[in-house]
Each structure stands twice: as structure tokens, then as C-alpha cells.
Amino acid sequence: MTLFFPSHHKTGTAVTSTVVGMTTSASATTASEGAIRGGTVTDRLVDANERYASAFADPGMDARPVLHVAVVACMDARLDLHAALGLELGDCHTIRNAGGVVTDDVIRSLTISQRKLGTRSVVLIHHTGCGLEAITEDFRTELEMEVGQRPAWAVEAFRDVDQDVRQSMQRVRTSPFMLHTDDVRGFVFDVKTGLLREIDPA
């Protein structure tokens, strides 16, 4: 699947964003383990930030995404959204949660994104091999038994990823708070190939 986004780097032209392969820290397991042994994972992240900040220059960007698009996706560590969609810093809003499902909080973020920060398009991305396909709403009961309190939130587990993408598209399109629902598209990302497969909303 190929996504077309207007380029903000070359006026009047367009770029074709083809999906590329993923790279993760899992490919450098030995080095990562060595770095973690000297402290916590958070220490490692803070150290990395110091190195990042030493060469940082304010890009002078506005808070409004250049491409006027919000991407809702799963929090799965295998999804490198910017690389997969050919996006750069400042291009989009990225909203992530377990499963990439459209919950009330996602609607909250999308509403602010559209009404206050000028986005118009919504891209929804689920993926193959999602952890939410391996659990059920019984997870809430298990938590209640363990901690003595039943979560107020739903697990949003699913068995059919395509149907769950359709449900997410429908939730966005029928929300009374959304300003723009004419460009809401849903996809399933294949974690083995790096390709997006668009889901027919029908």
C-alpha cells in the first residue's frame, strides 16, 4: 500500500511514501543489555537525551502538523511509524495506545488535534500479531481478583483485526466532536513485511 502526502519540502510537488522495513533496538540486543547493566533503562534514556540535546537546534516549528494529519496506531514496539510512512518531525500528530483502537481518550486527542491544531485527515493503523488478539475482556476480571478493584476501562480485545479497524473508523466518523470525517482511512500493518493493507470500511 502506498500513501500519498503533499511534501512541505518542495513546493507544488508530491511525494510517494512507500513503507520501509523496521529497525528496532532488538537487532542490537547485546549492546543494549550492556548499556542497561550500568543503570536502569530510564538512566539509559536520560543519557541518550543529554547527547541529543548537546547537538539540538530549535527547528522553529509551529505546533500545527505540516501535513494536517493525525495517525492513530498501536503502541507495539515493532511499529516505527515515521519510517514506515515516510514522515518527518512536525508532519503529523501521533496517537498511540494498546491496539490502536479508538477509545474515548483517542477521540479527545483527535478532537483537540482537529479543532485547535488544524488537522483534517485521520489514518488508523492496526497490525498483524497484535497482543490484543491474545487476551479477552476477562483480563479485567483477573485484575479485579488481584487488586480488589475492577478497571473502569474496557480491554478492547478483538479477534478479527480487519473488523476492529472498521469499528475504529466508524467511531471516528460518527463522533459528534470531530470537525472533519471525510478523510478517515484504516490500515493493517504487516509486521513481517512492513507493508500496509487498506481496509474497506464497508
C-alpha atoms as a PDB file:
ATOM      1  CA  MET A   1       0.000   0.000   0.000  1.00  0.00           C
ATOM      2  CA  THR A   2       1.292   3.457  -0.862  1.00  0.00           C
ATOM      3  CA  LEU A   3       0.298   6.656   0.909  1.00  0.00           C
ATOM      4  CA  PHE A   4       0.472  10.000  -0.832  1.00  0.00           C
ATOM      5  CA  PHE A   5       1.250  13.070   1.237  1.00  0.00           C
ATOM      6  CA  PRO A   6       1.996  16.576  -0.048  1.00  0.00           C
ATOM      7  CA  SER A   7       5.627  17.420   0.519  1.00  0.00           C
ATOM      8  CA  HIS A   8       6.422  20.508   2.567  1.00  0.00           C
ATOM      9  CA  HIS A   9       9.980  20.458   1.315  1.00  0.00           C
ATOM     10  CA  LYS A  10       9.287  21.006  -2.389  1.00  0.00           C
ATOM     11  CA  THR A  11       6.512  23.430  -3.193  1.00  0.00           C
ATOM     12  CA  GLY A  12       3.957  22.193  -5.657  1.00  0.00           C
ATOM     13  CA  THR A  13       5.184  18.618  -5.741  1.00  0.00           C
ATOM     14  CA  ALA A  14       4.133  15.425  -4.065  1.00  0.00           C
ATOM     15  CA  VAL A  15       5.991  12.568  -2.526  1.00  0.00           C
ATOM     16  CA  THR A  16       5.081   8.902  -2.511  1.00  0.00           C
ATOM     17  CA  SER A  17       5.676   7.393   0.901  1.00  0.00           C
ATOM     18  CA  THR A  18       6.340   3.706   0.484  1.00  0.00           C
ATOM     19  CA  VAL A  19       6.561   1.513   3.506  1.00  0.00           C
ATOM     20  CA  VAL A  20      10.065   0.534   4.530  1.00  0.00           C
ATOM     21  CA  GLY A  21      11.443  -2.174   6.761  1.00  0.00           C
ATOM     22  CA  MET A  22      11.560  -1.764  10.506  1.00  0.00           C
ATOM     23  CA  THR A  23      14.677  -1.373  12.626  1.00  0.00           C
ATOM     24  CA  THR A  24      14.492  -1.810  16.372  1.00  0.00           C
ATOM     25  CA  SER A  25      16.863  -1.968  19.296  1.00  0.00           C
ATOM     26  CA  ALA A  26      16.169  -5.714  19.355  1.00  0.00           C
ATOM     27  CA  SER A  27      18.622  -6.046  16.456  1.00  0.00           C
ATOM     28  CA  ALA A  28      21.389  -4.887  18.800  1.00  0.00           C
ATOM     29  CA  THR A  29      20.437  -6.914  21.853  1.00  0.00           C
ATOM     30  CA  THR A  30      23.971  -7.442  23.126  1.00  0.00           C
ATOM     31  CA  ALA A  31      24.824  -3.755  23.038  1.00  0.00           C
ATOM     32  CA  SER A  32      21.521  -2.827  24.664  1.00  0.00           C
ATOM     33  CA  GLU A  33      21.999  -5.296  27.501  1.00  0.00           C
ATOM     34  CA  GLY A  34      25.471  -3.938  28.118  1.00  0.00           C
ATOM     35  CA  ALA A  35      24.168  -0.382  28.319  1.00  0.00           C
ATOM     36  CA  ILE A  36      21.411  -1.342  30.732  1.00  0.00           C
ATOM     37  CA  ARG A  37      23.704  -3.188  33.135  1.00  0.00           C
ATOM     38  CA  GLY A  38      25.270   0.111  34.245  1.00  0.00           C
ATOM     39  CA  GLY A  39      21.936   1.516  35.405  1.00  0.00           C
ATOM     40  CA  THR A  40      18.210   1.417  34.751  1.00  0.00           C
ATOM     41  CA  VAL A  41      16.630   1.641  31.320  1.00  0.00           C
ATOM     42  CA  THR A  42      15.455   5.130  32.253  1.00  0.00           C
ATOM     43  CA  ASP A  43      19.057   6.112  33.043  1.00  0.00           C
ATOM     44  CA  ARG A  44      19.988   4.974  29.558  1.00  0.00           C
ATOM     45  CA  LEU A  45      17.235   7.123  28.042  1.00  0.00           C
ATOM     46  CA  VAL A  46      18.282  10.169  30.063  1.00  0.00           C
ATOM     47  CA  ASP A  47      21.894   9.724  28.946  1.00  0.00           C
ATOM     48  CA  ALA A  48      20.729   9.486  25.345  1.00  0.00           C
ATOM     49  CA  ASN A  49      18.732  12.677  25.758  1.00  0.00           C
ATOM     50  CA  GLU A  50      21.785  14.541  27.018  1.00  0.00           C
ATOM     51  CA  ARG A  51      23.688  13.536  23.891  1.00  0.00           C
ATOM     52  CA  TYR A  52      20.703  14.521  21.750  1.00  0.00           C
ATOM     53  CA  ALA A  53      20.320  17.906  23.453  1.00  0.00           C
ATOM     54  CA  SER A  54      24.026  18.716  23.044  1.00  0.00           C
ATOM     55  CA  ALA A  55      23.508  18.928  19.288  1.00  0.00           C
ATOM     56  CA  PHE A  56      19.887  20.113  19.341  1.00  0.00           C
ATOM     57  CA  ALA A  57      18.815  23.214  17.440  1.00  0.00           C
ATOM     58  CA  ASP A  58      15.325  24.663  17.745  1.00  0.00           C
ATOM     59  CA  PRO A  59      13.642  23.832  14.420  1.00  0.00           C
ATOM     60  CA  GLY A  60      11.280  26.773  14.867  1.00  0.00           C
ATOM     61  CA  MET A  61       8.209  24.706  14.102  1.00  0.00           C
ATOM     62  CA  ASP A  62       4.612  25.541  14.883  1.00  0.00           C
ATOM     63  CA  ALA A  63       2.582  23.064  16.931  1.00  0.00           C
ATOM     64  CA  ARG A  64       0.296  22.503  13.943  1.00  0.00           C
ATOM     65  CA  PRO A  65       1.256  19.412  11.897  1.00  0.00           C
ATOM     66  CA  VAL A  66       2.534  20.364   8.460  1.00  0.00           C
ATOM     67  CA  LEU A  67       0.560  17.618   6.695  1.00  0.00           C
ATOM     68  CA  HIS A  68      -2.637  18.252   8.698  1.00  0.00           C
ATOM     69  CA  VAL A  69      -2.928  14.557   9.530  1.00  0.00           C
ATOM     70  CA  ALA A  70      -3.353  12.590  12.751  1.00  0.00           C
ATOM     71  CA  VAL A  71      -2.194   8.967  12.903  1.00  0.00           C
ATOM     72  CA  VAL A  72      -3.731   6.591  15.449  1.00  0.00           C
ATOM     73  CA  ALA A  73      -1.721   3.409  15.914  1.00  0.00           C
ATOM     74  CA  CYS A  74      -0.896   0.593  18.289  1.00  0.00           C
ATOM     75  CA  MET A  75       1.831   1.127  20.875  1.00  0.00           C
ATOM     76  CA  ASP A  76       3.602  -2.056  19.679  1.00  0.00           C
ATOM     77  CA  ALA A  77       7.373  -1.517  19.768  1.00  0.00           C
ATOM     78  CA  ARG A  78       7.761  -3.007  16.274  1.00  0.00           C
ATOM     79  CA  LEU A  79       5.971  -0.088  14.605  1.00  0.00           C
ATOM     80  CA  ASP A  80       8.296   2.722  13.559  1.00  0.00           C
ATOM     81  CA  LEU A  81       5.578   4.967  12.214  1.00  0.00           C
ATOM     82  CA  HIS A  82       7.681   7.833  10.923  1.00  0.00           C
ATOM     83  CA  ALA A  83       9.929   5.500   8.943  1.00  0.00           C
ATOM     84  CA  ALA A  84       7.052   3.344   7.719  1.00  0.00           C
ATOM     85  CA  LEU A  85       5.021   6.300   6.460  1.00  0.00           C
ATOM     86  CA  GLY A  86       7.853   8.499   5.228  1.00  0.00           C
ATOM     87  CA  LEU A  87       7.086  11.136   7.844  1.00  0.00           C
ATOM     88  CA  GLU A  88       9.424  13.727   9.313  1.00  0.00           C
ATOM     89  CA  LEU A  89       9.417  15.734  12.513  1.00  0.00           C
ATOM     90  CA  GLY A  90       6.490  18.141  12.518  1.00  0.00           C
ATOM     91  CA  ASP A  91       4.492  16.322   9.838  1.00  0.00           C
ATOM     92  CA  CYS A  92       1.744  14.742  11.934  1.00  0.00           C
ATOM     93  CA  HIS A  93       0.116  14.090  15.268  1.00  0.00           C
ATOM     94  CA  THR A  94       0.741  10.551  16.508  1.00  0.00           C
ATOM     95  CA  ILE A  95      -1.692   8.986  18.984  1.00  0.00           C
ATOM     96  CA  ARG A  96      -0.844   5.512  20.262  1.00  0.00           C
ATOM     97  CA  ASN A  97      -2.408   3.023  22.647  1.00  0.00           C
ATOM     98  CA  ALA A  98      -2.741  -0.727  23.124  1.00  0.00           C
ATOM     99  CA  GLY A  99      -4.257  -1.998  19.874  1.00  0.00           C
ATOM    100  CA  GLY A 100      -4.512   1.395  18.223  1.00  0.00           C
ATOM    101  CA  VAL A 101      -8.227   1.318  18.992  1.00  0.00           C
ATOM    102  CA  VAL A 102     -10.407   4.418  19.041  1.00  0.00           C
ATOM    103  CA  THR A 103     -11.313   4.935  22.679  1.00  0.00           C
ATOM    104  CA  ASP A 104     -12.873   7.987  24.332  1.00  0.00           C
ATOM    105  CA  ASP A 105      -9.375   9.320  25.036  1.00  0.00           C
ATOM    106  CA  VAL A 106      -8.381   8.928  21.394  1.00  0.00           C
ATOM    107  CA  ILE A 107     -11.494  10.891  20.409  1.00  0.00           C
ATOM    108  CA  ARG A 108     -10.411  13.536  22.929  1.00  0.00           C
ATOM    109  CA  SER A 109      -6.976  13.802  21.306  1.00  0.00           C
ATOM    110  CA  LEU A 110      -8.372  13.791  17.768  1.00  0.00           C
ATOM    111  CA  THR A 111     -10.905  16.479  18.659  1.00  0.00           C
ATOM    112  CA  ILE A 112      -8.179  18.750  20.017  1.00  0.00           C
ATOM    113  CA  SER A 113      -5.995  17.890  17.020  1.00  0.00           C
ATOM    114  CA  GLN A 114      -8.693  18.965  14.568  1.00  0.00           C
ATOM    115  CA  ARG A 115     -10.375  21.821  16.364  1.00  0.00           C
ATOM    116  CA  LYS A 116      -7.321  23.523  17.849  1.00  0.00           C
ATOM    117  CA  LEU A 117      -4.376  22.408  15.733  1.00  0.00           C
ATOM    118  CA  GLY A 118      -5.774  22.220  12.223  1.00  0.00           C
ATOM    119  CA  THR A 119      -5.615  18.549  11.235  1.00  0.00           C
ATOM    120  CA  ARG A 120      -8.150  17.232   8.746  1.00  0.00           C
ATOM    121  CA  SER A 121      -7.161  13.661   7.845  1.00  0.00           C
ATOM    122  CA  VAL A 122      -7.144  10.624  10.151  1.00  0.00           C
ATOM    123  CA  VAL A 123      -5.100   7.484   9.476  1.00  0.00           C
ATOM    124  CA  LEU A 124      -5.836   4.442  11.666  1.00  0.00           C
ATOM    125  CA  ILE A 125      -3.256   1.655  11.875  1.00  0.00           C
ATOM    126  CA  HIS A 126      -3.662  -1.769  13.486  1.00  0.00           C
ATOM    127  CA  HIS A 127      -1.141  -4.543  12.831  1.00  0.00           C
ATOM    128  CA  THR A 128      -0.702  -8.284  12.488  1.00  0.00           C
ATOM    129  CA  GLY A 129       0.148 -10.316  15.571  1.00  0.00           C
ATOM    130  CA  CYS A 130      -1.328  -7.775  17.983  1.00  0.00           C
ATOM    131  CA  GLY A 131      -1.295  -8.642  21.680  1.00  0.00           C
ATOM    132  CA  LEU A 132      -4.965  -7.696  21.988  1.00  0.00           C
ATOM    133  CA  GLU A 133      -5.813 -10.741  19.871  1.00  0.00           C
ATOM    134  CA  ALA A 134      -4.331 -12.981  22.567  1.00  0.00           C
ATOM    135  CA  ILE A 135      -6.371 -11.726  25.543  1.00  0.00           C
ATOM    136  CA  THR A 136     -10.045 -11.203  26.340  1.00  0.00           C
ATOM    137  CA  GLU A 137     -12.177  -8.927  28.464  1.00  0.00           C
ATOM    138  CA  ASP A 138     -11.600 -11.496  31.236  1.00  0.00           C
ATOM    139  CA  PHE A 139      -8.381  -9.578  31.854  1.00  0.00           C
ATOM    140  CA  ARG A 140     -10.484  -7.032  33.743  1.00  0.00           C
ATOM    141  CA  THR A 141     -11.852  -9.779  35.995  1.00  0.00           C
ATOM    142  CA  GLU A 142      -8.333 -11.051  36.620  1.00  0.00           C
ATOM    143  CA  LEU A 143      -7.258  -7.567  37.676  1.00  0.00           C
ATOM    144  CA  GLU A 144     -10.268  -7.239  39.959  1.00  0.00           C
ATOM    145  CA  MET A 145      -9.386 -10.522  41.646  1.00  0.00           C
ATOM    146  CA  GLU A 146      -5.785  -9.419  42.094  1.00  0.00           C
ATOM    147  CA  VAL A 147      -6.159  -5.810  43.255  1.00  0.00           C
ATOM    148  CA  GLY A 148      -9.746  -5.717  44.520  1.00  0.00           C
ATOM    149  CA  GLN A 149     -10.949  -3.128  42.026  1.00  0.00           C
ATOM    150  CA  ARG A 150     -12.430  -3.632  38.572  1.00  0.00           C
ATOM    151  CA  PRO A 151     -10.989  -1.308  35.902  1.00  0.00           C
ATOM    152  CA  ALA A 152     -13.408   1.260  34.507  1.00  0.00           C
ATOM    153  CA  TRP A 153     -11.856   0.907  31.060  1.00  0.00           C
ATOM    154  CA  ALA A 154     -12.510  -1.820  28.508  1.00  0.00           C
ATOM    155  CA  VAL A 155      -9.669  -4.020  27.300  1.00  0.00           C
ATOM    156  CA  GLU A 156     -10.842  -3.546  23.676  1.00  0.00           C
ATOM    157  CA  ALA A 157      -9.611  -7.051  22.815  1.00  0.00           C
ATOM    158  CA  PHE A 158     -10.505  -8.366  19.360  1.00  0.00           C
ATOM    159  CA  ARG A 159     -10.273 -11.499  17.216  1.00  0.00           C
ATOM    160  CA  ASP A 160     -10.693 -10.026  13.722  1.00  0.00           C
ATOM    161  CA  VAL A 161      -8.206  -7.221  13.092  1.00  0.00           C
ATOM    162  CA  ASP A 162      -9.935  -6.062   9.900  1.00  0.00           C
ATOM    163  CA  GLN A 163     -13.274  -5.718  11.667  1.00  0.00           C
ATOM    164  CA  ASP A 164     -11.673  -3.863  14.538  1.00  0.00           C
ATOM    165  CA  VAL A 165     -10.190  -1.345  12.103  1.00  0.00           C
ATOM    166  CA  ARG A 166     -13.677  -0.879  10.628  1.00  0.00           C
ATOM    167  CA  GLN A 167     -15.072  -0.298  14.115  1.00  0.00           C
ATOM    168  CA  SER A 168     -12.390   2.296  14.803  1.00  0.00           C
ATOM    169  CA  MET A 169     -13.154   4.105  11.540  1.00  0.00           C
ATOM    170  CA  GLN A 170     -16.844   4.111  12.423  1.00  0.00           C
ATOM    171  CA  ARG A 171     -16.170   5.526  15.879  1.00  0.00           C
ATOM    172  CA  VAL A 172     -14.246   8.432  14.375  1.00  0.00           C
ATOM    173  CA  ARG A 173     -16.774   9.099  11.631  1.00  0.00           C
ATOM    174  CA  THR A 174     -19.766   9.097  13.976  1.00  0.00           C
ATOM    175  CA  SER A 175     -18.235  11.168  16.772  1.00  0.00           C
ATOM    176  CA  PRO A 176     -20.156  14.434  17.194  1.00  0.00           C
ATOM    177  CA  PHE A 177     -16.948  16.183  18.247  1.00  0.00           C
ATOM    178  CA  MET A 178     -14.986  15.669  15.033  1.00  0.00           C
ATOM    179  CA  LEU A 179     -14.919  18.510  12.521  1.00  0.00           C
ATOM    180  CA  HIS A 180     -13.588  16.519   9.561  1.00  0.00           C
ATOM    181  CA  THR A 181     -14.636  12.943   8.834  1.00  0.00           C
ATOM    182  CA  ASP A 182     -14.401  12.860   5.030  1.00  0.00           C
ATOM    183  CA  ASP A 183     -10.819  11.526   5.038  1.00  0.00           C
ATOM    184  CA  VAL A 184     -10.703   8.724   7.622  1.00  0.00           C
ATOM    185  CA  ARG A 185      -8.843   5.641   6.395  1.00  0.00           C
ATOM    186  CA  GLY A 186      -7.832   2.430   8.137  1.00  0.00           C
ATOM    187  CA  PHE A 187      -4.962   0.002   7.568  1.00  0.00           C
ATOM    188  CA  VAL A 188      -3.371  -3.154   8.906  1.00  0.00           C
ATOM    189  CA  PHE A 189       0.426  -3.091   9.107  1.00  0.00           C
ATOM    190  CA  ASP A 190       2.156  -6.406   8.448  1.00  0.00           C
ATOM    191  CA  VAL A 191       4.986  -6.731  10.975  1.00  0.00           C
ATOM    192  CA  LYS A 192       6.709  -9.334   8.762  1.00  0.00           C
ATOM    193  CA  THR A 193       6.773  -7.366   5.506  1.00  0.00           C
ATOM    194  CA  GLY A 194       6.412  -3.734   6.609  1.00  0.00           C
ATOM    195  CA  LEU A 195       3.505  -3.203   4.226  1.00  0.00           C
ATOM    196  CA  LEU A 196       0.186  -1.515   4.898  1.00  0.00           C
ATOM    197  CA  ARG A 197      -3.046  -3.145   3.744  1.00  0.00           C
ATOM    198  CA  GLU A 198      -6.007  -0.790   3.466  1.00  0.00           C
ATOM    199  CA  ILE A 199      -9.289  -1.909   4.991  1.00  0.00           C
ATOM    200  CA  ASP A 200     -12.557  -1.332   3.160  1.00  0.00           C
ATOM    201  CA  PRO A 201     -14.889   0.410   5.623  1.00  0.00           C
ATOM    202  CA  ALA A 202     -17.958  -1.336   4.192  1.00  0.00           C
END
